[in-house]
């Protein structure tokens, strides 16, 4: 019996794993890596935390309770220099809305400090650890670290330095993770974020972006994910 056939037999009644990307190119890379494994459902959510949250929440609500057991945000991202190189994989241990808060004379204050909720959502750390270890064994550069969500992509060295100082362990920034995580959390589902690095965070230099290579890394990471989640 083939791997995919066995998965089909096992998943007649099992809840699925929902993978949300921002755009179709990311979705297609993930689908190539999963090779038709029907334990997973992959959707494009749109760009930015608001679109991602609405899309994810709508899918979860329409599917109903018990349809999914895990939500994963996957895609490409910028990497902090010295923490995540181009082509490497960042597996989130925490998803952080890095610009959710207020500017004050003393500097930026997170929404947590203001008493209006939280800008932090914990990832499924145990699964993240297993995935990171499996990525290493597969010969892929990977790190488990916080991934920042922002509505505006960083484009200056000053902003990159400020973010790195504000969240010292952060390894990547993207635009959808926290929104997807918030939707998953509202339905009581665990969440994970997987990002392949296409560029360094800082001054925008499109000539230095390696989107094709990052999508190839995302595809490879998706294949490893399929093996890590055995049932």
Foldseek 3Di string as FASTA:
>chain_A
DDPLVVLVVVVPPAAAEEEEEADDLLQVLLCLLLVNNVSYDYDHQHFFLVSLLVSLLVVDVVCDPRNHAEYEYEEAFAWAPPQADALAKEKEQKEFALQAADQDPVGTDHVVVVVNDGRIDGAPVVLSVLLCVLCVVVVGHYDYFYEYAYRDAAAAPVVSVVSCVVRVGYTTYGGHVSSNCVSCVVSVHGYMYMYHYQYHRHHDDPVSGRRVSSSNSRSNSSNSSSVSPSD
